[in-house]
Amino acid sequence: MSYLFRHLDVVARLSGEHVRLVGVSLMIALAIAVPVAVAITRRPWLARPVFGVFSLVYTIPSLALFALLIPVFGLGFWTAVAGLAAYAQMVLVRNTVAALRGIEPAVLEAAHGMGMSDRQIFWRVQRPLAMPVFIAGVRVATVSLIGIAAIAAWINAGGLGTLVLDGIEHDYPQKALAGALAAVLLAVVADQGLRMLERRLAR
């Protein structure tokens, strides 16, 4: 704790890097996951191959996945973003599919009966009704990415993992603990904030 309080400026800067890393990864992951989930709900036969691929990626250890991506993206920020976005797919797609499939068929039939197009039904009916379950998936993915992003310091991606890695390498446990505690605090704040949003949307 002494290192944390004596170097708040360093912890704050690395926390900003950590948030940026997770935020960019999550946005890219969502841009992929939502269209894939919509495609699965409209073409159920896609579920098995898509979830098979995402399950395989999800089982790869994070360090191994980052190492596999280094020849493609090199060391640094974008390698970490690619790996984190890949890890988030399983949770995001699964929860988004569950959210869309959980809508009462009668509601969708009524929307079709009113002459709505598929696009209108998605934006005006499915999206608002599915949002609470969808946000629950985003919450789980966000907390997971905050933890995995700490490992990205191994590939020079920055973030709070830098403190943990430096503390281990230089036998400085207080430094490593400061990074770990800051990452835990970020995860708790993200979890509680998204949980509140989830409850508000559910109401």
N, C-alpha and C. Protein backbone atom coordinates (compact mmCIF):
# COMPACT_ATOMS: atom_id res chain seq x y z
N MET A 1 0.82 -1.21 0.00
CA MET A 1 0.00 0.00 0.00
C MET A 1 0.85 1.26 0.00
N SER A 2 2.04 1.19 0.61
CA SER A 2 2.88 2.38 0.68
C SER A 2 3.29 2.84 -0.71
N TYR A 3 3.62 1.89 -1.60
CA TYR A 3 3.98 2.27 -2.97
C TYR A 3 2.80 2.93 -3.67
N LEU A 4 1.61 2.40 -3.45
CA LEU A 4 0.42 2.92 -4.11
C LEU A 4 0.19 4.37 -3.75
N PHE A 5 0.32 4.72 -2.48
CA PHE A 5 0.05 6.09 -2.04
C PHE A 5 1.20 7.04 -2.38
N ARG A 6 2.41 6.51 -2.44
CA ARG A 6 3.56 7.37 -2.76
C ARG A 6 3.71 7.62 -4.25
N HIS A 7 3.05 6.82 -5.08
CA HIS A 7 3.19 6.96 -6.53
C HIS A 7 1.81 7.00 -7.20
N LEU A 8 0.92 7.81 -6.66
CA LEU A 8 -0.43 7.89 -7.20
C LEU A 8 -0.43 8.40 -8.64
N ASP A 9 0.52 9.28 -8.97
CA ASP A 9 0.57 9.80 -10.34
C ASP A 9 0.88 8.69 -11.34
N VAL A 10 1.82 7.81 -10.97
CA VAL A 10 2.18 6.70 -11.86
C VAL A 10 1.01 5.72 -11.98
N VAL A 11 0.39 5.41 -10.85
CA VAL A 11 -0.74 4.48 -10.86
C VAL A 11 -1.89 5.06 -11.68
N ALA A 12 -2.14 6.36 -11.53
CA ALA A 12 -3.22 7.01 -12.29
C ALA A 12 -2.94 6.97 -13.79
N ARG A 13 -1.69 7.22 -14.17
CA ARG A 13 -1.34 7.19 -15.60
C ARG A 13 -1.51 5.78 -16.18
N LEU A 14 -1.02 4.80 -15.46
CA LEU A 14 -1.14 3.42 -15.93
C LEU A 14 -2.59 2.93 -15.90
N SER A 15 -3.37 3.46 -14.95
CA SER A 15 -4.80 3.13 -14.93
C SER A 15 -5.49 3.67 -16.17
N GLY A 16 -5.10 4.88 -16.59
CA GLY A 16 -5.64 5.44 -17.82
C GLY A 16 -5.29 4.59 -19.03
N GLU A 17 -4.06 4.11 -19.08
CA GLU A 17 -3.65 3.22 -20.17
C GLU A 17 -4.47 1.94 -20.14
N HIS A 18 -4.72 1.43 -18.95
CA HIS A 18 -5.47 0.19 -18.79
C HIS A 18 -6.91 0.37 -19.28
N VAL A 19 -7.51 1.48 -18.88
CA VAL A 19 -8.89 1.77 -19.31
C VAL A 19 -8.96 1.92 -20.82
N ARG A 20 -7.98 2.60 -21.40
CA ARG A 20 -7.97 2.76 -22.85
C ARG A 20 -7.83 1.43 -23.56
N LEU A 21 -6.96 0.59 -23.05
CA LEU A 21 -6.74 -0.73 -23.65
C LEU A 21 -8.02 -1.56 -23.61
N VAL A 22 -8.66 -1.59 -22.45
CA VAL A 22 -9.90 -2.37 -22.31
C VAL A 22 -11.02 -1.74 -23.12
N GLY A 23 -11.12 -0.42 -23.10
CA GLY A 23 -12.19 0.26 -23.83
C GLY A 23 -12.13 0.04 -25.32
N VAL A 24 -10.95 0.20 -25.90
CA VAL A 24 -10.80 -0.01 -27.35
C VAL A 24 -11.08 -1.47 -27.70
N SER A 25 -10.57 -2.39 -26.90
CA SER A 25 -10.80 -3.82 -27.14
C SER A 25 -12.28 -4.15 -27.09
N LEU A 26 -12.99 -3.59 -26.10
CA LEU A 26 -14.41 -3.88 -25.93
C LEU A 26 -15.22 -3.31 -27.10
N MET A 27 -14.89 -2.11 -27.55
CA MET A 27 -15.62 -1.52 -28.67
C MET A 27 -15.46 -2.36 -29.94
N ILE A 28 -14.24 -2.80 -30.20
CA ILE A 28 -14.00 -3.64 -31.38
C ILE A 28 -14.72 -4.99 -31.22
N ALA A 29 -14.66 -5.54 -30.01
CA ALA A 29 -15.33 -6.82 -29.76
C ALA A 29 -16.83 -6.70 -29.98
N LEU A 30 -17.43 -5.62 -29.51
CA LEU A 30 -18.87 -5.41 -29.69
C LEU A 30 -19.23 -5.23 -31.15
N ALA A 31 -18.38 -4.53 -31.90
CA ALA A 31 -18.64 -4.31 -33.32
C ALA A 31 -18.67 -5.63 -34.09
N ILE A 32 -17.96 -6.63 -33.58
CA ILE A 32 -17.96 -7.96 -34.21
C ILE A 32 -19.08 -8.83 -33.64
N ALA A 33 -19.22 -8.81 -32.31
CA ALA A 33 -20.11 -9.76 -31.63
C ALA A 33 -21.58 -9.52 -31.93
N VAL A 34 -22.00 -8.26 -31.96
CA VAL A 34 -23.43 -7.98 -32.15
C VAL A 34 -23.92 -8.45 -33.53
N PRO A 35 -23.25 -8.11 -34.63
CA PRO A 35 -23.71 -8.65 -35.92
C PRO A 35 -23.67 -10.17 -35.99
N VAL A 36 -22.65 -10.78 -35.38
CA VAL A 36 -22.57 -12.24 -35.38
C VAL A 36 -23.75 -12.83 -34.61
N ALA A 37 -24.08 -12.24 -33.46
CA ALA A 37 -25.21 -12.74 -32.66
C ALA A 37 -26.53 -12.59 -33.41
N VAL A 38 -26.70 -11.47 -34.09
CA VAL A 38 -27.93 -11.27 -34.87
C VAL A 38 -28.01 -12.31 -35.99
N ALA A 39 -26.88 -12.58 -36.64
CA ALA A 39 -26.87 -13.58 -37.70
C ALA A 39 -27.23 -14.97 -37.16
N ILE A 40 -26.76 -15.29 -35.95
CA ILE A 40 -27.06 -16.60 -35.36
C ILE A 40 -28.55 -16.72 -35.05
N THR A 41 -29.16 -15.64 -34.54
CA THR A 41 -30.59 -15.71 -34.22
C THR A 41 -31.44 -15.87 -35.47
N ARG A 42 -30.95 -15.36 -36.59
CA ARG A 42 -31.72 -15.47 -37.83
C ARG A 42 -31.39 -16.75 -38.59
N ARG A 43 -30.20 -17.29 -38.36
CA ARG A 43 -29.77 -18.53 -39.01
C ARG A 43 -29.19 -19.45 -37.94
N PRO A 44 -30.04 -20.18 -37.24
CA PRO A 44 -29.59 -20.99 -36.10
C PRO A 44 -28.50 -22.00 -36.42
N TRP A 45 -28.40 -22.43 -37.68
CA TRP A 45 -27.37 -23.41 -38.03
C TRP A 45 -25.96 -22.85 -37.86
N LEU A 46 -25.84 -21.51 -37.77
CA LEU A 46 -24.52 -20.90 -37.57
C LEU A 46 -24.01 -21.07 -36.15
N ALA A 47 -24.90 -21.37 -35.22
CA ALA A 47 -24.52 -21.39 -33.81
C ALA A 47 -23.39 -22.38 -33.53
N ARG A 48 -23.53 -23.61 -34.02
CA ARG A 48 -22.54 -24.63 -33.70
C ARG A 48 -21.14 -24.27 -34.20
N PRO A 49 -20.94 -23.91 -35.48
CA PRO A 49 -19.58 -23.58 -35.91
C PRO A 49 -19.03 -22.31 -35.27
N VAL A 50 -19.89 -21.30 -35.10
CA VAL A 50 -19.41 -20.04 -34.52
C VAL A 50 -18.99 -20.24 -33.07
N PHE A 51 -19.84 -20.87 -32.28
CA PHE A 51 -19.49 -21.10 -30.88
C PHE A 51 -18.32 -22.08 -30.75
N GLY A 52 -18.19 -22.96 -31.70
CA GLY A 52 -17.05 -23.87 -31.69
C GLY A 52 -15.73 -23.12 -31.82
N VAL A 53 -15.70 -22.17 -32.76
CA VAL A 53 -14.49 -21.37 -32.97
C VAL A 53 -14.20 -20.50 -31.75
N PHE A 54 -15.23 -19.81 -31.24
CA PHE A 54 -15.03 -18.92 -30.11
C PHE A 54 -14.64 -19.69 -28.84
N SER A 55 -15.20 -20.89 -28.68
CA SER A 55 -14.83 -21.71 -27.53
C SER A 55 -13.36 -22.11 -27.60
N LEU A 56 -12.90 -22.42 -28.81
CA LEU A 56 -11.50 -22.78 -28.99
C LEU A 56 -10.59 -21.62 -28.63
N VAL A 57 -10.93 -20.43 -29.10
CA VAL A 57 -10.12 -19.25 -28.80
C VAL A 57 -10.11 -18.99 -27.30
N TYR A 58 -11.27 -19.17 -26.66
CA TYR A 58 -11.41 -18.87 -25.23
C TYR A 58 -10.57 -19.80 -24.36
N THR A 59 -10.28 -21.01 -24.88
CA THR A 59 -9.49 -21.96 -24.09
C THR A 59 -7.98 -21.74 -24.23
N ILE A 60 -7.56 -20.92 -25.18
CA ILE A 60 -6.13 -20.66 -25.35
C ILE A 60 -5.64 -19.76 -24.23
N PRO A 61 -4.58 -20.13 -23.53
CA PRO A 61 -4.03 -19.24 -22.49
C PRO A 61 -3.68 -17.87 -23.06
N SER A 62 -3.92 -16.83 -22.27
CA SER A 62 -3.74 -15.47 -22.77
C SER A 62 -2.32 -15.20 -23.27
N LEU A 63 -1.32 -15.65 -22.54
CA LEU A 63 0.06 -15.43 -22.98
C LEU A 63 0.31 -16.12 -24.32
N ALA A 64 -0.24 -17.32 -24.48
CA ALA A 64 -0.05 -18.05 -25.74
C ALA A 64 -0.73 -17.32 -26.89
N LEU A 65 -1.93 -16.79 -26.65
CA LEU A 65 -2.63 -16.07 -27.71
C LEU A 65 -1.89 -14.80 -28.09
N PHE A 66 -1.41 -14.05 -27.11
CA PHE A 66 -0.62 -12.85 -27.41
C PHE A 66 0.63 -13.22 -28.21
N ALA A 67 1.27 -14.31 -27.83
CA ALA A 67 2.47 -14.74 -28.54
C ALA A 67 2.15 -15.10 -30.00
N LEU A 68 1.01 -15.74 -30.23
CA LEU A 68 0.60 -16.09 -31.59
C LEU A 68 0.31 -14.86 -32.43
N LEU A 69 -0.12 -13.77 -31.79
CA LEU A 69 -0.47 -12.56 -32.52
C LEU A 69 0.71 -11.63 -32.78
N ILE A 70 1.81 -11.85 -32.06
CA ILE A 70 2.98 -10.97 -32.24
C ILE A 70 3.50 -10.95 -33.68
N PRO A 71 3.61 -12.09 -34.37
CA PRO A 71 4.08 -12.03 -35.77
C PRO A 71 3.16 -11.23 -36.69
N VAL A 72 1.90 -11.10 -36.31
CA VAL A 72 0.94 -10.36 -37.15
C VAL A 72 0.94 -8.87 -36.83
N PHE A 73 0.87 -8.53 -35.54
CA PHE A 73 0.73 -7.12 -35.13
C PHE A 73 1.98 -6.55 -34.49
N GLY A 74 2.95 -7.40 -34.16
CA GLY A 74 4.13 -6.93 -33.45
C GLY A 74 3.84 -6.76 -31.97
N LEU A 75 4.84 -6.28 -31.24
CA LEU A 75 4.66 -6.01 -29.82
C LEU A 75 3.87 -4.72 -29.62
N GLY A 76 3.12 -4.66 -28.52
CA GLY A 76 2.49 -3.40 -28.18
C GLY A 76 0.98 -3.44 -28.09
N PHE A 77 0.42 -2.23 -28.18
CA PHE A 77 -1.00 -1.99 -27.90
C PHE A 77 -1.94 -2.81 -28.77
N TRP A 78 -1.73 -2.83 -30.08
CA TRP A 78 -2.71 -3.44 -30.98
C TRP A 78 -2.70 -4.97 -30.91
N THR A 79 -1.59 -5.53 -30.55
CA THR A 79 -1.58 -6.98 -30.32
C THR A 79 -2.46 -7.33 -29.13
N ALA A 80 -2.33 -6.53 -28.08
CA ALA A 80 -3.18 -6.75 -26.91
C ALA A 80 -4.65 -6.54 -27.24
N VAL A 81 -4.95 -5.50 -28.02
CA VAL A 81 -6.34 -5.23 -28.40
C VAL A 81 -6.93 -6.40 -29.18
N ALA A 82 -6.16 -6.93 -30.13
CA ALA A 82 -6.65 -8.06 -30.92
C ALA A 82 -6.92 -9.27 -30.04
N GLY A 83 -6.01 -9.55 -29.12
CA GLY A 83 -6.19 -10.70 -28.24
C GLY A 83 -7.37 -10.53 -27.30
N LEU A 84 -7.51 -9.34 -26.72
CA LEU A 84 -8.62 -9.09 -25.81
C LEU A 84 -9.96 -9.12 -26.52
N ALA A 85 -10.02 -8.55 -27.71
CA ALA A 85 -11.26 -8.57 -28.49
C ALA A 85 -11.66 -10.00 -28.83
N ALA A 86 -10.66 -10.84 -29.13
CA ALA A 86 -10.95 -12.24 -29.43
C ALA A 86 -11.48 -12.97 -28.20
N TYR A 87 -10.90 -12.69 -27.03
CA TYR A 87 -11.36 -13.34 -25.80
C TYR A 87 -12.79 -12.95 -25.45
N ALA A 88 -13.16 -11.72 -25.76
CA ALA A 88 -14.48 -11.23 -25.37
C ALA A 88 -15.60 -11.81 -26.22
N GLN A 89 -15.29 -12.37 -27.37
CA GLN A 89 -16.33 -12.81 -28.29
C GLN A 89 -17.26 -13.86 -27.69
N MET A 90 -16.72 -14.83 -27.00
CA MET A 90 -17.53 -15.92 -26.48
C MET A 90 -18.62 -15.40 -25.54
N VAL A 91 -18.22 -14.55 -24.60
CA VAL A 91 -19.18 -14.02 -23.63
C VAL A 91 -20.19 -13.10 -24.31
N LEU A 92 -19.70 -12.21 -25.16
CA LEU A 92 -20.58 -11.22 -25.78
C LEU A 92 -21.58 -11.87 -26.73
N VAL A 93 -21.11 -12.76 -27.58
CA VAL A 93 -22.00 -13.40 -28.55
C VAL A 93 -23.02 -14.28 -27.82
N ARG A 94 -22.57 -15.06 -26.86
CA ARG A 94 -23.47 -15.95 -26.13
C ARG A 94 -24.58 -15.16 -25.44
N ASN A 95 -24.22 -14.08 -24.73
CA ASN A 95 -25.23 -13.30 -24.02
C ASN A 95 -26.14 -12.53 -24.96
N THR A 96 -25.59 -12.05 -26.06
CA THR A 96 -26.42 -11.32 -27.01
C THR A 96 -27.43 -12.25 -27.67
N VAL A 97 -26.99 -13.45 -28.03
CA VAL A 97 -27.91 -14.44 -28.59
C VAL A 97 -28.99 -14.79 -27.58
N ALA A 98 -28.59 -15.01 -26.33
CA ALA A 98 -29.57 -15.33 -25.28
C ALA A 98 -30.56 -14.19 -25.09
N ALA A 99 -30.06 -12.95 -25.16
CA ALA A 99 -30.94 -11.79 -24.99
C ALA A 99 -31.97 -11.70 -26.12
N LEU A 100 -31.52 -11.92 -27.35
CA LEU A 100 -32.42 -11.83 -28.49
C LEU A 100 -33.40 -12.99 -28.52
N ARG A 101 -32.94 -14.18 -28.16
CA ARG A 101 -33.82 -15.35 -28.15
C ARG A 101 -34.81 -15.32 -26.98
N GLY A 102 -34.51 -14.54 -25.97
CA GLY A 102 -35.39 -14.47 -24.81
C GLY A 102 -36.61 -13.59 -25.01
N ILE A 103 -36.69 -12.89 -26.13
CA ILE A 103 -37.85 -12.04 -26.40
C ILE A 103 -39.04 -12.91 -26.80
N GLU A 104 -40.19 -12.58 -26.27
CA GLU A 104 -41.39 -13.36 -26.56
C GLU A 104 -41.70 -13.37 -28.06
N PRO A 105 -41.88 -14.55 -28.65
CA PRO A 105 -42.21 -14.62 -30.09
C PRO A 105 -43.45 -13.82 -30.45
N ALA A 106 -44.40 -13.75 -29.52
CA ALA A 106 -45.64 -13.01 -29.81
C ALA A 106 -45.35 -11.53 -30.05
N VAL A 107 -44.36 -10.99 -29.36
CA VAL A 107 -44.00 -9.58 -29.55
C VAL A 107 -43.46 -9.37 -30.96
N LEU A 108 -42.60 -10.29 -31.41
CA LEU A 108 -42.03 -10.18 -32.75
C LEU A 108 -43.11 -10.37 -33.82
N GLU A 109 -44.04 -11.29 -33.57
CA GLU A 109 -45.13 -11.51 -34.52
C GLU A 109 -46.00 -10.26 -34.63
N ALA A 110 -46.23 -9.61 -33.51
CA ALA A 110 -47.02 -8.38 -33.52
C ALA A 110 -46.31 -7.28 -34.31
N ALA A 111 -44.99 -7.21 -34.14
CA ALA A 111 -44.22 -6.22 -34.89
C ALA A 111 -44.28 -6.48 -36.39
N HIS A 112 -44.16 -7.77 -36.76
CA HIS A 112 -44.30 -8.13 -38.18
C HIS A 112 -45.69 -7.78 -38.68
N GLY A 113 -46.69 -8.03 -37.85
CA GLY A 113 -48.06 -7.73 -38.25
C GLY A 113 -48.30 -6.25 -38.47
N MET A 114 -47.53 -5.42 -37.79
CA MET A 114 -47.65 -3.97 -37.95
C MET A 114 -46.92 -3.47 -39.19
N GLY A 115 -46.27 -4.41 -39.90
CA GLY A 115 -45.58 -4.04 -41.13
C GLY A 115 -44.16 -3.57 -40.96
N MET A 116 -43.56 -3.83 -39.80
CA MET A 116 -42.18 -3.41 -39.58
C MET A 116 -41.22 -4.30 -40.38
N SER A 117 -40.15 -3.70 -40.85
CA SER A 117 -39.09 -4.47 -41.51
C SER A 117 -38.21 -5.11 -40.46
N ASP A 118 -37.33 -6.03 -40.89
CA ASP A 118 -36.42 -6.68 -39.94
C ASP A 118 -35.54 -5.65 -39.24
N ARG A 119 -35.09 -4.66 -39.98
CA ARG A 119 -34.25 -3.61 -39.39
C ARG A 119 -35.03 -2.82 -38.34
N GLN A 120 -36.26 -2.46 -38.64
CA GLN A 120 -37.07 -1.71 -37.68
C GLN A 120 -37.37 -2.54 -36.44
N ILE A 121 -37.65 -3.83 -36.64
CA ILE A 121 -37.92 -4.70 -35.50
C ILE A 121 -36.70 -4.79 -34.59
N PHE A 122 -35.51 -4.88 -35.20
CA PHE A 122 -34.30 -4.98 -34.39
C PHE A 122 -34.10 -3.72 -33.56
N TRP A 123 -34.19 -2.54 -34.18
CA TRP A 123 -33.88 -1.30 -33.48
C TRP A 123 -34.98 -0.85 -32.53
N ARG A 124 -36.24 -1.09 -32.89
CA ARG A 124 -37.35 -0.57 -32.10
C ARG A 124 -37.92 -1.58 -31.10
N VAL A 125 -37.72 -2.87 -31.36
CA VAL A 125 -38.32 -3.89 -30.49
C VAL A 125 -37.26 -4.73 -29.81
N GLN A 126 -36.43 -5.43 -30.61
CA GLN A 126 -35.48 -6.36 -30.03
C GLN A 126 -34.41 -5.67 -29.20
N ARG A 127 -33.86 -4.58 -29.72
CA ARG A 127 -32.75 -3.91 -29.02
C ARG A 127 -33.15 -3.44 -27.62
N PRO A 128 -34.24 -2.70 -27.45
CA PRO A 128 -34.57 -2.27 -26.08
C PRO A 128 -34.95 -3.42 -25.15
N LEU A 129 -35.64 -4.43 -25.66
CA LEU A 129 -36.04 -5.55 -24.81
C LEU A 129 -34.85 -6.42 -24.41
N ALA A 130 -33.88 -6.53 -25.30
CA ALA A 130 -32.72 -7.38 -25.03
C ALA A 130 -31.63 -6.67 -24.23
N MET A 131 -31.75 -5.36 -24.06
CA MET A 131 -30.66 -4.58 -23.49
C MET A 131 -30.22 -5.02 -22.09
N PRO A 132 -31.13 -5.33 -21.15
CA PRO A 132 -30.64 -5.74 -19.81
C PRO A 132 -29.73 -6.97 -19.84
N VAL A 133 -30.13 -8.01 -20.59
CA VAL A 133 -29.30 -9.21 -20.68
C VAL A 133 -28.02 -8.91 -21.44
N PHE A 134 -28.12 -8.08 -22.46
CA PHE A 134 -26.95 -7.68 -23.24
C PHE A 134 -25.93 -6.97 -22.35
N ILE A 135 -26.40 -6.03 -21.53
CA ILE A 135 -25.50 -5.29 -20.63
C ILE A 135 -24.86 -6.23 -19.62
N ALA A 136 -25.60 -7.26 -19.20
CA ALA A 136 -25.01 -8.25 -18.28
C ALA A 136 -23.81 -8.93 -18.94
N GLY A 137 -23.93 -9.24 -20.23
CA GLY A 137 -22.80 -9.82 -20.95
C GLY A 137 -21.64 -8.86 -21.08
N VAL A 138 -21.96 -7.59 -21.35
CA VAL A 138 -20.91 -6.57 -21.43
C VAL A 138 -20.19 -6.43 -20.09
N ARG A 139 -20.94 -6.52 -19.00
CA ARG A 139 -20.35 -6.41 -17.67
C ARG A 139 -19.36 -7.55 -17.42
N VAL A 140 -19.78 -8.77 -17.72
CA VAL A 140 -18.91 -9.93 -17.50
C VAL A 140 -17.66 -9.81 -18.39
N ALA A 141 -17.86 -9.42 -19.65
CA ALA A 141 -16.73 -9.29 -20.57
C ALA A 141 -15.76 -8.20 -20.10
N THR A 142 -16.30 -7.08 -19.63
CA THR A 142 -15.46 -5.97 -19.19
C THR A 142 -14.58 -6.36 -18.01
N VAL A 143 -15.20 -6.99 -17.02
CA VAL A 143 -14.43 -7.41 -15.84
C VAL A 143 -13.36 -8.42 -16.23
N SER A 144 -13.70 -9.34 -17.12
CA SER A 144 -12.72 -10.33 -17.58
C SER A 144 -11.56 -9.67 -18.31
N LEU A 145 -11.87 -8.70 -19.17
CA LEU A 145 -10.83 -8.03 -19.94
C LEU A 145 -9.91 -7.19 -19.05
N ILE A 146 -10.46 -6.62 -18.00
CA ILE A 146 -9.61 -5.84 -17.08
C ILE A 146 -8.54 -6.75 -16.47
N GLY A 147 -8.94 -7.96 -16.12
CA GLY A 147 -7.98 -8.90 -15.55
C GLY A 147 -6.97 -9.39 -16.57
N ILE A 148 -7.46 -9.77 -17.75
CA ILE A 148 -6.55 -10.29 -18.78
C ILE A 148 -5.62 -9.21 -19.30
N ALA A 149 -6.10 -7.95 -19.34
CA ALA A 149 -5.28 -6.85 -19.85
C ALA A 149 -4.02 -6.64 -19.02
N ALA A 150 -4.06 -7.06 -17.75
CA ALA A 150 -2.86 -6.92 -16.92
C ALA A 150 -1.72 -7.77 -17.46
N ILE A 151 -2.06 -8.89 -18.09
CA ILE A 151 -1.03 -9.77 -18.65
C ILE A 151 -0.41 -9.16 -19.90
N ALA A 152 -1.14 -8.22 -20.53
CA ALA A 152 -0.65 -7.61 -21.77
C ALA A 152 0.62 -6.80 -21.58
N ALA A 153 0.97 -6.48 -20.34
CA ALA A 153 2.24 -5.78 -20.10
C ALA A 153 3.42 -6.61 -20.58
N TRP A 154 3.24 -7.92 -20.63
CA TRP A 154 4.30 -8.82 -21.10
C TRP A 154 4.68 -8.53 -22.54
N ILE A 155 3.76 -7.96 -23.32
CA ILE A 155 4.05 -7.65 -24.73
C ILE A 155 4.14 -6.13 -24.94
N ASN A 156 4.47 -5.42 -23.87
CA ASN A 156 4.68 -3.96 -23.92
C ASN A 156 3.43 -3.19 -24.32
N ALA A 157 2.28 -3.63 -23.84
CA ALA A 157 1.03 -2.95 -24.16
C ALA A 157 0.67 -1.89 -23.11
N GLY A 158 1.46 -1.78 -22.05
CA GLY A 158 1.19 -0.79 -21.01
C GLY A 158 0.11 -1.26 -20.05
N GLY A 159 -0.42 -0.31 -19.29
CA GLY A 159 -1.46 -0.64 -18.33
C GLY A 159 -0.90 -1.02 -16.97
N LEU A 160 -1.79 -1.39 -16.09
CA LEU A 160 -1.40 -1.70 -14.71
C LEU A 160 -0.56 -2.95 -14.59
N GLY A 161 -0.62 -3.81 -15.58
CA GLY A 161 0.22 -5.00 -15.56
C GLY A 161 1.70 -4.66 -15.56
N THR A 162 2.04 -3.44 -16.01
CA THR A 162 3.44 -3.00 -15.99
C THR A 162 3.98 -2.99 -14.56
N LEU A 163 3.16 -2.51 -13.63
CA LEU A 163 3.59 -2.49 -12.23
C LEU A 163 3.78 -3.91 -11.70
N VAL A 164 2.84 -4.77 -12.04
CA VAL A 164 2.93 -6.16 -11.56
C VAL A 164 4.18 -6.83 -12.12
N LEU A 165 4.40 -6.67 -13.43
CA LEU A 165 5.55 -7.30 -14.07
C LEU A 165 6.86 -6.76 -13.54
N ASP A 166 6.97 -5.43 -13.40
CA ASP A 166 8.19 -4.83 -12.87
C ASP A 166 8.43 -5.26 -11.42
N GLY A 167 7.35 -5.32 -10.65
CA GLY A 167 7.51 -5.72 -9.26
C GLY A 167 8.01 -7.14 -9.12
N ILE A 168 7.54 -8.04 -10.00
CA ILE A 168 8.00 -9.43 -9.96
C ILE A 168 9.45 -9.53 -10.42
N GLU A 169 9.77 -8.83 -11.51
CA GLU A 169 11.11 -8.92 -12.09
C GLU A 169 12.17 -8.35 -11.15
N HIS A 170 11.82 -7.29 -10.41
CA HIS A 170 12.80 -6.63 -9.54
C HIS A 170 12.62 -6.95 -8.06
N ASP A 171 11.84 -8.00 -7.78
CA ASP A 171 11.63 -8.44 -6.40
C ASP A 171 11.14 -7.28 -5.54
N TYR A 172 10.11 -6.60 -6.04
CA TYR A 172 9.54 -5.44 -5.37
C TYR A 172 8.04 -5.72 -5.17
N PRO A 173 7.70 -6.51 -4.16
CA PRO A 173 6.31 -6.95 -4.01
C PRO A 173 5.32 -5.82 -3.81
N GLN A 174 5.75 -4.70 -3.19
CA GLN A 174 4.83 -3.58 -2.99
C GLN A 174 4.39 -2.99 -4.32
N LYS A 175 5.30 -2.94 -5.27
CA LYS A 175 4.98 -2.41 -6.59
C LYS A 175 3.99 -3.33 -7.31
N ALA A 176 4.25 -4.63 -7.23
CA ALA A 176 3.35 -5.60 -7.86
C ALA A 176 1.96 -5.55 -7.21
N LEU A 177 1.94 -5.41 -5.90
CA LEU A 177 0.67 -5.36 -5.18
C LEU A 177 -0.11 -4.11 -5.54
N ALA A 178 0.60 -2.99 -5.72
CA ALA A 178 -0.08 -1.75 -6.10
C ALA A 178 -0.79 -1.90 -7.45
N GLY A 179 -0.11 -2.53 -8.40
CA GLY A 179 -0.73 -2.75 -9.70
C GLY A 179 -1.92 -3.68 -9.62
N ALA A 180 -1.79 -4.73 -8.82
CA ALA A 180 -2.89 -5.69 -8.67
C ALA A 180 -4.09 -5.04 -8.00
N LEU A 181 -3.85 -4.25 -6.94
CA LEU A 181 -4.95 -3.60 -6.23
C LEU A 181 -5.66 -2.59 -7.13
N ALA A 182 -4.90 -1.85 -7.90
CA ALA A 182 -5.51 -0.87 -8.80
C ALA A 182 -6.36 -1.56 -9.85
N ALA A 183 -5.90 -2.69 -10.37
CA ALA A 183 -6.68 -3.45 -11.35
C ALA A 183 -7.96 -3.99 -10.74
N VAL A 184 -7.87 -4.47 -9.50
CA VAL A 184 -9.06 -4.96 -8.80
C VAL A 184 -10.06 -3.83 -8.60
N LEU A 185 -9.57 -2.65 -8.23
CA LEU A 185 -10.45 -1.50 -8.02
C LEU A 185 -11.15 -1.11 -9.32
N LEU A 186 -10.41 -1.12 -10.43
CA LEU A 186 -11.02 -0.84 -11.73
C LEU A 186 -12.12 -1.85 -12.04
N ALA A 187 -11.85 -3.12 -11.79
CA ALA A 187 -12.83 -4.17 -12.06
C ALA A 187 -14.09 -3.99 -11.21
N VAL A 188 -13.91 -3.63 -9.93
CA VAL A 188 -15.06 -3.44 -9.04
C VAL A 188 -15.89 -2.25 -9.50
N VAL A 189 -15.23 -1.15 -9.85
CA VAL A 189 -15.95 0.04 -10.31
C VAL A 189 -16.73 -0.26 -11.59
N ALA A 190 -16.08 -0.93 -12.54
CA ALA A 190 -16.76 -1.28 -13.80
C ALA A 190 -17.93 -2.22 -13.54
N ASP A 191 -17.73 -3.20 -12.68
CA ASP A 191 -18.78 -4.16 -12.39
C ASP A 191 -19.99 -3.48 -11.75
N GLN A 192 -19.75 -2.64 -10.76
CA GLN A 192 -20.85 -1.99 -10.07
C GLN A 192 -21.57 -0.97 -10.97
N GLY A 193 -20.80 -0.25 -11.77
CA GLY A 193 -21.41 0.72 -12.67
C GLY A 193 -22.31 0.06 -13.70
N LEU A 194 -21.82 -1.00 -14.32
CA LEU A 194 -22.62 -1.71 -15.32
C LEU A 194 -23.77 -2.48 -14.68
N ARG A 195 -23.59 -2.93 -13.45
CA ARG A 195 -24.68 -3.62 -12.74
C ARG A 195 -25.83 -2.64 -12.47
N MET A 196 -25.50 -1.42 -12.09
CA MET A 196 -26.53 -0.40 -11.88
C MET A 196 -27.26 -0.09 -13.18
N LEU A 197 -26.51 0.02 -14.27
CA LEU A 197 -27.14 0.26 -15.57
C LEU A 197 -28.05 -0.90 -15.96
N GLU A 198 -27.59 -2.11 -15.69
CA GLU A 198 -28.39 -3.30 -15.99
C GLU A 198 -29.71 -3.29 -15.23
N ARG A 199 -29.66 -2.92 -13.93
CA ARG A 199 -30.88 -2.90 -13.13
C ARG A 199 -31.82 -1.79 -13.61
N ARG A 200 -31.26 -0.65 -13.96
CA ARG A 200 -32.11 0.44 -14.44
C ARG A 200 -32.81 0.06 -15.73
N LEU A 201 -32.10 -0.57 -16.65
CA LEU A 201 -32.71 -0.99 -17.91
C LEU A 201 -33.77 -2.07 -17.70
N ALA A 202 -33.51 -2.96 -16.73
CA ALA A 202 -34.48 -4.00 -16.43
C ALA A 202 -35.79 -3.41 -15.92
N ARG A 203 -35.70 -2.32 -15.13
CA ARG A 203 -36.91 -1.68 -14.63
C ARG A 203 -37.66 -0.96 -15.74
